[in-house]
Amino acid sequence: MSAQVNFDHAILSQTRDAMVSREKHVPSSNAKTKPSPRRILIADEHEHVRRSFRSLLESRQDLRACGEAKDGQEAIQLAAHQNPDLIMLDWTMPVLDGISASRQIKRILPDVPVLMLSLHHNREIVLASQSAGAQGFVPKTGATGLLLEAVNALLQGETFFAENNQQLESLYLST
């Protein structure tokens, strides 16, 4: 019987030692964990534009493209399945334009910010974007410099409507 007691004691001792060893490798609950990257859906009819935006976004560790859509209808479907943190929509897309897509996306994901992008920038496009639920607008011309600034603002719950000239600047300041 003594042999059995010694064997049991040895097993318990090894188990306790293994548990202590594992505890040493478990990070404390106070350890800071790296936050997950913010997920962004990109919708533009041109593949090279989507690729450029993806590359720009993913140059930062805190941002990640979670999907790409070539038209407004695909953007709606991907948004519903991916539940992104932000959606970038081109104003002009086939099948369903950015304005119509924004309205439908806002019905299913009302809290997800939408950033509208366009080659054109005038008062009507900006106002139409706002009325469709977009929280931001950035013209594609020079978008590289403004895009990350707009993305940051929208992810923080702010709005961002880029101005390209004095007339647009006064429009944004008055709203």
N, C-alpha and C. Protein backbone atom coordinates (compact mmCIF):
# COMPACT_ATOMS: atom_id res chain seq x y z
N MET A 1 0.81 -1.18 0.00
CA MET A 1 0.00 0.00 0.00
C MET A 1 0.86 1.26 0.00
N SER A 2 1.99 1.16 0.65
CA SER A 2 2.91 2.27 0.72
C SER A 2 3.39 2.70 -0.66
N ALA A 3 3.59 1.76 -1.54
CA ALA A 3 4.01 2.06 -2.91
C ALA A 3 2.93 2.86 -3.63
N GLN A 4 1.67 2.48 -3.41
CA GLN A 4 0.55 3.18 -4.04
C GLN A 4 0.47 4.63 -3.55
N VAL A 5 0.68 4.87 -2.26
CA VAL A 5 0.63 6.21 -1.68
C VAL A 5 1.75 7.06 -2.26
N ASN A 6 2.94 6.49 -2.36
CA ASN A 6 4.06 7.21 -2.94
C ASN A 6 3.81 7.57 -4.40
N PHE A 7 3.21 6.61 -5.15
CA PHE A 7 2.90 6.85 -6.55
C PHE A 7 1.88 7.99 -6.68
N ASP A 8 0.81 7.95 -5.86
CA ASP A 8 -0.22 8.99 -5.89
C ASP A 8 0.39 10.35 -5.53
N HIS A 9 1.26 10.34 -4.52
CA HIS A 9 1.90 11.59 -4.11
C HIS A 9 2.76 12.16 -5.25
N ALA A 10 3.47 11.28 -5.94
CA ALA A 10 4.32 11.71 -7.06
C ALA A 10 3.47 12.31 -8.18
N ILE A 11 2.35 11.68 -8.50
CA ILE A 11 1.45 12.17 -9.54
C ILE A 11 0.90 13.54 -9.15
N LEU A 12 0.44 13.68 -7.91
CA LEU A 12 -0.09 14.96 -7.44
C LEU A 12 0.98 16.05 -7.48
N SER A 13 2.18 15.69 -7.11
CA SER A 13 3.29 16.65 -7.11
C SER A 13 3.60 17.11 -8.53
N GLN A 14 3.65 16.17 -9.49
CA GLN A 14 3.91 16.52 -10.89
C GLN A 14 2.79 17.39 -11.45
N THR A 15 1.55 17.07 -11.10
CA THR A 15 0.41 17.85 -11.58
C THR A 15 0.48 19.27 -11.04
N ARG A 16 0.79 19.38 -9.73
CA ARG A 16 0.89 20.70 -9.11
C ARG A 16 2.02 21.50 -9.76
N ASP A 17 3.17 20.86 -10.00
CA ASP A 17 4.30 21.54 -10.64
C ASP A 17 3.94 22.02 -12.05
N ALA A 18 3.21 21.19 -12.78
CA ALA A 18 2.80 21.56 -14.13
C ALA A 18 1.85 22.76 -14.10
N MET A 19 0.93 22.77 -13.12
CA MET A 19 -0.01 23.87 -13.00
C MET A 19 0.71 25.16 -12.65
N VAL A 20 1.66 25.09 -11.75
CA VAL A 20 2.44 26.28 -11.37
C VAL A 20 3.22 26.77 -12.57
N SER A 21 3.80 25.86 -13.33
CA SER A 21 4.56 26.22 -14.52
C SER A 21 3.67 26.95 -15.52
N ARG A 22 2.45 26.45 -15.76
CA ARG A 22 1.52 27.09 -16.70
C ARG A 22 1.10 28.46 -16.21
N GLU A 23 0.90 28.61 -14.89
CA GLU A 23 0.50 29.89 -14.34
C GLU A 23 1.55 30.95 -14.61
N LYS A 24 2.81 30.56 -14.65
CA LYS A 24 3.89 31.52 -14.91
C LYS A 24 3.79 32.08 -16.32
N HIS A 25 3.21 31.33 -17.24
CA HIS A 25 3.14 31.75 -18.64
C HIS A 25 1.81 32.42 -19.00
N VAL A 26 0.87 32.41 -18.10
CA VAL A 26 -0.42 33.03 -18.37
C VAL A 26 -0.28 34.53 -18.17
N PRO A 27 -0.64 35.35 -19.18
CA PRO A 27 -0.53 36.80 -19.01
C PRO A 27 -1.51 37.27 -17.95
N SER A 28 -1.10 38.28 -17.21
CA SER A 28 -1.98 38.79 -16.16
C SER A 28 -3.17 39.50 -16.79
N SER A 29 -4.23 39.63 -16.03
CA SER A 29 -5.42 40.29 -16.55
C SER A 29 -5.17 41.78 -16.74
N ASN A 30 -4.10 42.32 -16.17
CA ASN A 30 -3.76 43.72 -16.33
C ASN A 30 -2.95 43.98 -17.59
N ALA A 31 -2.48 42.93 -18.24
CA ALA A 31 -1.67 43.09 -19.44
C ALA A 31 -2.50 43.73 -20.54
N LYS A 32 -1.92 44.68 -21.25
CA LYS A 32 -2.62 45.35 -22.34
C LYS A 32 -2.64 44.45 -23.56
N THR A 33 -3.82 44.26 -24.10
CA THR A 33 -3.94 43.48 -25.32
C THR A 33 -4.06 44.42 -26.50
N LYS A 34 -3.53 44.00 -27.60
CA LYS A 34 -3.57 44.81 -28.81
C LYS A 34 -5.00 44.80 -29.36
N PRO A 35 -5.59 45.98 -29.60
CA PRO A 35 -6.96 46.01 -30.12
C PRO A 35 -7.02 45.46 -31.55
N SER A 36 -8.15 44.91 -31.88
CA SER A 36 -8.34 44.39 -33.23
C SER A 36 -8.39 45.55 -34.22
N PRO A 37 -7.87 45.34 -35.43
CA PRO A 37 -7.96 46.41 -36.44
C PRO A 37 -9.42 46.73 -36.75
N ARG A 38 -9.68 47.99 -37.06
CA ARG A 38 -11.02 48.42 -37.46
C ARG A 38 -11.25 47.92 -38.88
N ARG A 39 -12.44 47.39 -39.13
CA ARG A 39 -12.76 46.72 -40.39
C ARG A 39 -13.51 47.68 -41.32
N ILE A 40 -13.00 47.82 -42.55
CA ILE A 40 -13.55 48.77 -43.51
C ILE A 40 -13.92 48.07 -44.81
N LEU A 41 -15.14 48.32 -45.26
CA LEU A 41 -15.63 47.81 -46.54
C LEU A 41 -15.41 48.89 -47.60
N ILE A 42 -14.83 48.49 -48.72
CA ILE A 42 -14.53 49.42 -49.82
C ILE A 42 -15.41 49.07 -51.02
N ALA A 43 -16.15 50.07 -51.53
CA ALA A 43 -17.00 49.84 -52.71
C ALA A 43 -16.65 50.86 -53.78
N ASP A 44 -16.15 50.36 -54.89
CA ASP A 44 -15.81 51.19 -56.06
C ASP A 44 -15.82 50.27 -57.27
N GLU A 45 -16.30 50.78 -58.38
CA GLU A 45 -16.39 49.93 -59.57
C GLU A 45 -15.03 49.59 -60.17
N HIS A 46 -14.02 50.36 -59.87
CA HIS A 46 -12.69 50.14 -60.45
C HIS A 46 -11.79 49.36 -59.50
N GLU A 47 -11.33 48.22 -59.97
CA GLU A 47 -10.49 47.36 -59.14
C GLU A 47 -9.22 48.05 -58.68
N HIS A 48 -8.58 48.81 -59.57
CA HIS A 48 -7.33 49.47 -59.20
C HIS A 48 -7.55 50.54 -58.11
N VAL A 49 -8.72 51.16 -58.09
CA VAL A 49 -9.05 52.13 -57.04
C VAL A 49 -9.25 51.40 -55.72
N ARG A 50 -10.00 50.30 -55.75
CA ARG A 50 -10.20 49.50 -54.53
C ARG A 50 -8.86 49.03 -53.97
N ARG A 51 -8.00 48.56 -54.86
CA ARG A 51 -6.69 48.06 -54.45
C ARG A 51 -5.85 49.18 -53.82
N SER A 52 -5.91 50.37 -54.42
CA SER A 52 -5.17 51.51 -53.87
C SER A 52 -5.68 51.91 -52.50
N PHE A 53 -7.00 51.96 -52.35
CA PHE A 53 -7.58 52.29 -51.05
C PHE A 53 -7.23 51.22 -50.01
N ARG A 54 -7.30 49.96 -50.41
CA ARG A 54 -6.95 48.87 -49.49
C ARG A 54 -5.50 49.02 -49.03
N SER A 55 -4.61 49.27 -49.96
CA SER A 55 -3.20 49.43 -49.63
C SER A 55 -2.97 50.60 -48.68
N LEU A 56 -3.65 51.71 -48.93
CA LEU A 56 -3.52 52.88 -48.07
C LEU A 56 -4.03 52.56 -46.66
N LEU A 57 -5.20 51.96 -46.57
CA LEU A 57 -5.77 51.63 -45.26
C LEU A 57 -4.88 50.66 -44.50
N GLU A 58 -4.43 49.63 -45.18
CA GLU A 58 -3.66 48.58 -44.52
C GLU A 58 -2.20 48.96 -44.28
N SER A 59 -1.83 50.18 -44.69
CA SER A 59 -0.50 50.67 -44.33
C SER A 59 -0.46 50.99 -42.84
N ARG A 60 -1.63 51.06 -42.24
CA ARG A 60 -1.75 51.26 -40.80
C ARG A 60 -2.15 49.96 -40.13
N GLN A 61 -1.58 49.69 -38.98
CA GLN A 61 -1.86 48.44 -38.27
C GLN A 61 -3.26 48.40 -37.67
N ASP A 62 -3.87 49.55 -37.47
CA ASP A 62 -5.17 49.59 -36.81
C ASP A 62 -6.35 49.57 -37.79
N LEU A 63 -6.06 49.46 -39.10
CA LEU A 63 -7.12 49.42 -40.11
C LEU A 63 -6.96 48.20 -40.99
N ARG A 64 -8.10 47.63 -41.42
CA ARG A 64 -8.06 46.46 -42.30
C ARG A 64 -9.28 46.50 -43.21
N ALA A 65 -9.06 46.26 -44.49
CA ALA A 65 -10.17 46.12 -45.43
C ALA A 65 -10.80 44.75 -45.21
N CYS A 66 -12.10 44.73 -44.95
CA CYS A 66 -12.76 43.44 -44.68
C CYS A 66 -13.53 42.95 -45.90
N GLY A 67 -13.56 43.74 -46.95
CA GLY A 67 -14.23 43.32 -48.17
C GLY A 67 -14.19 44.41 -49.22
N GLU A 68 -14.40 43.99 -50.46
CA GLU A 68 -14.42 44.92 -51.60
C GLU A 68 -15.63 44.61 -52.46
N ALA A 69 -16.33 45.67 -52.87
CA ALA A 69 -17.50 45.52 -53.72
C ALA A 69 -17.31 46.34 -54.99
N LYS A 70 -17.80 45.81 -56.11
CA LYS A 70 -17.66 46.50 -57.39
C LYS A 70 -18.89 47.31 -57.76
N ASP A 71 -19.98 47.18 -56.99
CA ASP A 71 -21.19 47.96 -57.24
C ASP A 71 -21.97 48.11 -55.94
N GLY A 72 -22.98 48.97 -56.00
CA GLY A 72 -23.76 49.25 -54.80
C GLY A 72 -24.50 48.05 -54.24
N GLN A 73 -25.03 47.22 -55.11
CA GLN A 73 -25.76 46.04 -54.64
C GLN A 73 -24.84 45.08 -53.89
N GLU A 74 -23.66 44.86 -54.44
CA GLU A 74 -22.69 44.00 -53.76
C GLU A 74 -22.24 44.62 -52.44
N ALA A 75 -22.14 45.94 -52.39
CA ALA A 75 -21.76 46.62 -51.15
C ALA A 75 -22.80 46.36 -50.05
N ILE A 76 -24.07 46.40 -50.40
CA ILE A 76 -25.14 46.14 -49.43
C ILE A 76 -25.03 44.71 -48.90
N GLN A 77 -24.85 43.76 -49.81
CA GLN A 77 -24.75 42.35 -49.40
C GLN A 77 -23.54 42.12 -48.50
N LEU A 78 -22.39 42.66 -48.89
CA LEU A 78 -21.18 42.49 -48.08
C LEU A 78 -21.32 43.18 -46.73
N ALA A 79 -21.92 44.35 -46.71
CA ALA A 79 -22.10 45.07 -45.45
C ALA A 79 -22.94 44.25 -44.49
N ALA A 80 -24.01 43.65 -44.99
CA ALA A 80 -24.89 42.84 -44.14
C ALA A 80 -24.16 41.62 -43.58
N HIS A 81 -23.27 41.02 -44.37
CA HIS A 81 -22.55 39.82 -43.93
C HIS A 81 -21.29 40.14 -43.12
N GLN A 82 -20.61 41.21 -43.47
CA GLN A 82 -19.32 41.52 -42.82
C GLN A 82 -19.47 42.39 -41.58
N ASN A 83 -20.56 43.16 -41.50
CA ASN A 83 -20.78 44.10 -40.39
C ASN A 83 -19.52 44.92 -40.11
N PRO A 84 -19.08 45.72 -41.09
CA PRO A 84 -17.83 46.48 -40.93
C PRO A 84 -17.98 47.63 -39.94
N ASP A 85 -16.84 48.20 -39.57
CA ASP A 85 -16.83 49.37 -38.70
C ASP A 85 -17.06 50.66 -39.48
N LEU A 86 -16.80 50.62 -40.79
CA LEU A 86 -16.95 51.79 -41.67
C LEU A 86 -17.12 51.30 -43.09
N ILE A 87 -17.90 52.04 -43.89
CA ILE A 87 -18.10 51.68 -45.29
C ILE A 87 -17.72 52.86 -46.16
N MET A 88 -16.85 52.61 -47.13
CA MET A 88 -16.47 53.62 -48.12
C MET A 88 -17.22 53.31 -49.41
N LEU A 89 -18.02 54.29 -49.89
CA LEU A 89 -18.82 54.09 -51.09
C LEU A 89 -18.46 55.11 -52.16
N ASP A 90 -18.27 54.62 -53.38
CA ASP A 90 -18.10 55.53 -54.51
C ASP A 90 -19.47 56.09 -54.87
N TRP A 91 -19.51 57.34 -55.23
CA TRP A 91 -20.75 58.01 -55.63
C TRP A 91 -21.35 57.36 -56.87
N THR A 92 -20.53 57.07 -57.86
CA THR A 92 -20.99 56.52 -59.13
C THR A 92 -20.55 55.07 -59.28
N MET A 93 -21.51 54.15 -59.20
CA MET A 93 -21.22 52.72 -59.38
C MET A 93 -22.33 52.11 -60.23
N PRO A 94 -22.02 51.03 -60.93
CA PRO A 94 -23.07 50.35 -61.69
C PRO A 94 -24.05 49.61 -60.77
N VAL A 95 -25.12 49.14 -61.32
CA VAL A 95 -26.18 48.39 -60.65
C VAL A 95 -26.93 49.28 -59.66
N LEU A 96 -26.21 49.85 -58.69
CA LEU A 96 -26.80 50.71 -57.68
C LEU A 96 -25.75 51.75 -57.28
N ASP A 97 -26.09 53.03 -57.40
CA ASP A 97 -25.11 54.08 -57.10
C ASP A 97 -24.86 54.19 -55.58
N GLY A 98 -23.87 54.97 -55.22
CA GLY A 98 -23.49 55.11 -53.82
C GLY A 98 -24.58 55.71 -52.94
N ILE A 99 -25.34 56.66 -53.49
CA ILE A 99 -26.42 57.29 -52.71
C ILE A 99 -27.49 56.26 -52.36
N SER A 100 -27.94 55.51 -53.37
CA SER A 100 -28.96 54.48 -53.12
C SER A 100 -28.44 53.39 -52.20
N ALA A 101 -27.19 53.00 -52.40
CA ALA A 101 -26.59 51.97 -51.54
C ALA A 101 -26.49 52.47 -50.10
N SER A 102 -26.11 53.73 -49.91
CA SER A 102 -26.01 54.29 -48.57
C SER A 102 -27.35 54.27 -47.87
N ARG A 103 -28.40 54.65 -48.56
CA ARG A 103 -29.74 54.63 -47.95
C ARG A 103 -30.12 53.23 -47.48
N GLN A 104 -29.87 52.24 -48.33
CA GLN A 104 -30.24 50.86 -47.97
C GLN A 104 -29.35 50.32 -46.84
N ILE A 105 -28.08 50.64 -46.89
CA ILE A 105 -27.16 50.20 -45.83
C ILE A 105 -27.57 50.80 -44.50
N LYS A 106 -27.95 52.06 -44.50
CA LYS A 106 -28.34 52.73 -43.26
C LYS A 106 -29.60 52.11 -42.66
N ARG A 107 -30.45 51.50 -43.48
CA ARG A 107 -31.63 50.81 -42.95
C ARG A 107 -31.24 49.55 -42.19
N ILE A 108 -30.21 48.85 -42.68
CA ILE A 108 -29.82 47.59 -42.03
C ILE A 108 -28.71 47.76 -41.00
N LEU A 109 -27.87 48.78 -41.19
CA LEU A 109 -26.76 49.05 -40.27
C LEU A 109 -26.72 50.55 -39.94
N PRO A 110 -27.68 51.02 -39.19
CA PRO A 110 -27.79 52.46 -38.97
C PRO A 110 -26.62 53.10 -38.23
N ASP A 111 -25.89 52.32 -37.45
CA ASP A 111 -24.79 52.88 -36.67
C ASP A 111 -23.44 52.82 -37.35
N VAL A 112 -23.38 52.20 -38.53
CA VAL A 112 -22.10 52.10 -39.24
C VAL A 112 -21.91 53.35 -40.10
N PRO A 113 -20.82 54.08 -39.88
CA PRO A 113 -20.61 55.29 -40.67
C PRO A 113 -20.29 54.99 -42.13
N VAL A 114 -20.76 55.89 -43.00
CA VAL A 114 -20.52 55.79 -44.44
C VAL A 114 -19.70 57.00 -44.88
N LEU A 115 -18.64 56.72 -45.62
CA LEU A 115 -17.80 57.75 -46.22
C LEU A 115 -18.02 57.70 -47.72
N MET A 116 -18.55 58.77 -48.29
CA MET A 116 -18.82 58.85 -49.72
C MET A 116 -17.59 59.40 -50.43
N LEU A 117 -17.28 58.82 -51.58
CA LEU A 117 -16.14 59.25 -52.40
C LEU A 117 -16.62 59.55 -53.81
N SER A 118 -16.03 60.56 -54.44
CA SER A 118 -16.42 60.88 -55.81
C SER A 118 -15.31 61.65 -56.51
N LEU A 119 -15.26 61.48 -57.83
CA LEU A 119 -14.36 62.30 -58.65
C LEU A 119 -14.87 63.72 -58.72
N HIS A 120 -16.16 63.89 -58.55
CA HIS A 120 -16.79 65.20 -58.62
C HIS A 120 -17.03 65.70 -57.22
N HIS A 121 -16.93 66.99 -57.04
CA HIS A 121 -17.22 67.55 -55.73
C HIS A 121 -17.90 68.90 -55.91
N ASN A 122 -19.16 68.91 -55.54
CA ASN A 122 -19.93 70.13 -55.57
C ASN A 122 -20.97 70.08 -54.47
N ARG A 123 -21.65 71.17 -54.27
CA ARG A 123 -22.61 71.30 -53.18
C ARG A 123 -23.71 70.24 -53.25
N GLU A 124 -24.22 69.96 -54.44
CA GLU A 124 -25.31 69.00 -54.60
C GLU A 124 -24.89 67.59 -54.19
N ILE A 125 -23.68 67.20 -54.56
CA ILE A 125 -23.20 65.86 -54.22
C ILE A 125 -23.02 65.74 -52.70
N VAL A 126 -22.47 66.76 -52.10
CA VAL A 126 -22.26 66.73 -50.65
C VAL A 126 -23.60 66.66 -49.92
N LEU A 127 -24.56 67.49 -50.32
CA LEU A 127 -25.87 67.50 -49.67
C LEU A 127 -26.61 66.17 -49.90
N ALA A 128 -26.51 65.62 -51.11
CA ALA A 128 -27.14 64.33 -51.39
C ALA A 128 -26.50 63.23 -50.55
N SER A 129 -25.20 63.29 -50.37
CA SER A 129 -24.50 62.31 -49.53
C SER A 129 -24.99 62.39 -48.09
N GLN A 130 -25.10 63.61 -47.58
CA GLN A 130 -25.59 63.80 -46.21
C GLN A 130 -27.02 63.29 -46.07
N SER A 131 -27.87 63.60 -47.04
CA SER A 131 -29.27 63.18 -46.93
C SER A 131 -29.42 61.66 -47.06
N ALA A 132 -28.44 61.00 -47.67
CA ALA A 132 -28.47 59.54 -47.80
C ALA A 132 -27.87 58.86 -46.57
N GLY A 133 -27.44 59.65 -45.59
CA GLY A 133 -26.93 59.08 -44.35
C GLY A 133 -25.42 59.04 -44.22
N ALA A 134 -24.70 59.53 -45.23
CA ALA A 134 -23.23 59.52 -45.15
C ALA A 134 -22.77 60.51 -44.08
N GLN A 135 -21.79 60.11 -43.31
CA GLN A 135 -21.21 60.98 -42.30
C GLN A 135 -19.98 61.71 -42.82
N GLY A 136 -19.58 61.38 -44.05
CA GLY A 136 -18.40 62.02 -44.60
C GLY A 136 -18.38 62.00 -46.11
N PHE A 137 -17.59 62.91 -46.67
CA PHE A 137 -17.39 62.99 -48.11
C PHE A 137 -15.95 63.42 -48.37
N VAL A 138 -15.29 62.68 -49.28
CA VAL A 138 -13.93 63.02 -49.69
C VAL A 138 -13.87 62.90 -51.20
N PRO A 139 -13.43 63.96 -51.90
CA PRO A 139 -13.24 63.84 -53.34
C PRO A 139 -12.06 62.91 -53.62
N LYS A 140 -12.19 62.12 -54.67
CA LYS A 140 -11.11 61.18 -55.00
C LYS A 140 -9.85 61.91 -55.42
N THR A 141 -9.99 63.08 -56.01
CA THR A 141 -8.80 63.85 -56.38
C THR A 141 -8.17 64.35 -55.09
N GLY A 142 -7.01 63.89 -54.81
CA GLY A 142 -6.34 64.24 -53.56
C GLY A 142 -6.85 63.46 -52.37
N ALA A 143 -7.59 62.38 -52.61
CA ALA A 143 -8.18 61.61 -51.52
C ALA A 143 -7.12 60.96 -50.64
N THR A 144 -5.96 60.69 -51.18
CA THR A 144 -4.93 60.02 -50.39
C THR A 144 -4.61 60.80 -49.13
N GLY A 145 -4.45 62.11 -49.28
CA GLY A 145 -4.13 62.93 -48.12
C GLY A 145 -5.27 63.07 -47.13
N LEU A 146 -6.50 63.06 -47.62
CA LEU A 146 -7.66 63.29 -46.77
C LEU A 146 -8.33 62.00 -46.29
N LEU A 147 -8.12 60.93 -47.01
CA LEU A 147 -8.86 59.70 -46.72
C LEU A 147 -8.63 59.20 -45.30
N LEU A 148 -7.39 59.10 -44.88
CA LEU A 148 -7.11 58.59 -43.54
C LEU A 148 -7.64 59.54 -42.46
N GLU A 149 -7.57 60.82 -42.73
CA GLU A 149 -8.12 61.80 -41.80
C GLU A 149 -9.64 61.61 -41.66
N ALA A 150 -10.31 61.40 -42.80
CA ALA A 150 -11.76 61.18 -42.79
C ALA A 150 -12.11 59.88 -42.08
N VAL A 151 -11.37 58.82 -42.38
CA VAL A 151 -11.61 57.51 -41.75
C VAL A 151 -11.48 57.64 -40.23
N ASN A 152 -10.42 58.30 -39.77
CA ASN A 152 -10.22 58.49 -38.33
C ASN A 152 -11.40 59.23 -37.71
N ALA A 153 -11.83 60.30 -38.35
CA ALA A 153 -12.94 61.10 -37.81
C ALA A 153 -14.21 60.26 -37.71
N LEU A 154 -14.55 59.53 -38.77
CA LEU A 154 -15.79 58.75 -38.76
C LEU A 154 -15.73 57.62 -37.74
N LEU A 155 -14.59 57.00 -37.59
CA LEU A 155 -14.46 55.92 -36.61
C LEU A 155 -14.54 56.44 -35.17
N GLN A 156 -14.32 57.73 -35.00
CA GLN A 156 -14.45 58.34 -33.68
C GLN A 156 -15.82 58.97 -33.47
N GLY A 157 -16.74 58.73 -34.41
CA GLY A 157 -18.09 59.24 -34.27
C GLY A 157 -18.30 60.66 -34.76
N GLU A 158 -17.32 61.19 -35.44
CA GLU A 158 -17.41 62.55 -35.98
C GLU A 158 -17.83 62.51 -37.44
N THR A 159 -18.09 63.68 -38.00
CA THR A 159 -18.34 63.80 -39.43
C THR A 159 -17.11 64.41 -40.09
N PHE A 160 -16.99 64.22 -41.39
CA PHE A 160 -15.86 64.77 -42.12
C PHE A 160 -16.29 65.04 -43.56
N PHE A 161 -16.40 66.31 -43.89
CA PHE A 161 -16.73 66.70 -45.26
C PHE A 161 -15.61 67.59 -45.76
N ALA A 162 -14.78 67.03 -46.66
CA ALA A 162 -13.58 67.71 -47.14
C ALA A 162 -13.94 68.88 -48.04
N GLU A 163 -13.22 69.97 -47.87
CA GLU A 163 -13.42 71.11 -48.75
C GLU A 163 -12.22 71.26 -49.67
N ASN A 164 -12.51 71.63 -50.91
CA ASN A 164 -11.45 71.79 -51.90
C ASN A 164 -11.26 73.24 -52.33
N ASN A 165 -12.21 74.09 -51.98
CA ASN A 165 -12.08 75.49 -52.34
C ASN A 165 -12.85 76.36 -51.35
N GLN A 166 -12.72 77.67 -51.48
CA GLN A 166 -13.35 78.59 -50.54
C GLN A 166 -14.86 78.41 -50.48
N GLN A 167 -15.50 78.21 -51.63
CA GLN A 167 -16.96 78.08 -51.67
C GLN A 167 -17.41 76.86 -50.87
N LEU A 168 -16.75 75.71 -51.05
CA LEU A 168 -17.12 74.51 -50.28
C LEU A 168 -16.77 74.70 -48.81
N GLU A 169 -15.68 75.36 -48.53
CA GLU A 169 -15.30 75.58 -47.14
C GLU A 169 -16.38 76.36 -46.40
N SER A 170 -16.93 77.40 -47.02
CA SER A 170 -17.97 78.18 -46.37
C SER A 170 -19.24 77.34 -46.21
N LEU A 171 -19.52 76.44 -47.14
CA LEU A 171 -20.68 75.56 -47.03
C LEU A 171 -20.54 74.68 -45.79
N TYR A 172 -19.37 74.07 -45.59
CA TYR A 172 -19.18 73.15 -44.48
C TYR A 172 -19.19 73.88 -43.15
N LEU A 173 -18.66 75.08 -43.12
CA LEU A 173 -18.64 75.84 -41.87
C LEU A 173 -20.03 76.31 -41.47
N SER A 174 -20.91 76.47 -42.44
CA SER A 174 -22.25 76.97 -42.13
C SER A 174 -23.22 75.86 -41.73
N THR A 175 -22.84 74.59 -41.91
CA THR A 175 -23.76 73.50 -41.54
C THR A 175 -23.49 72.97 -40.16
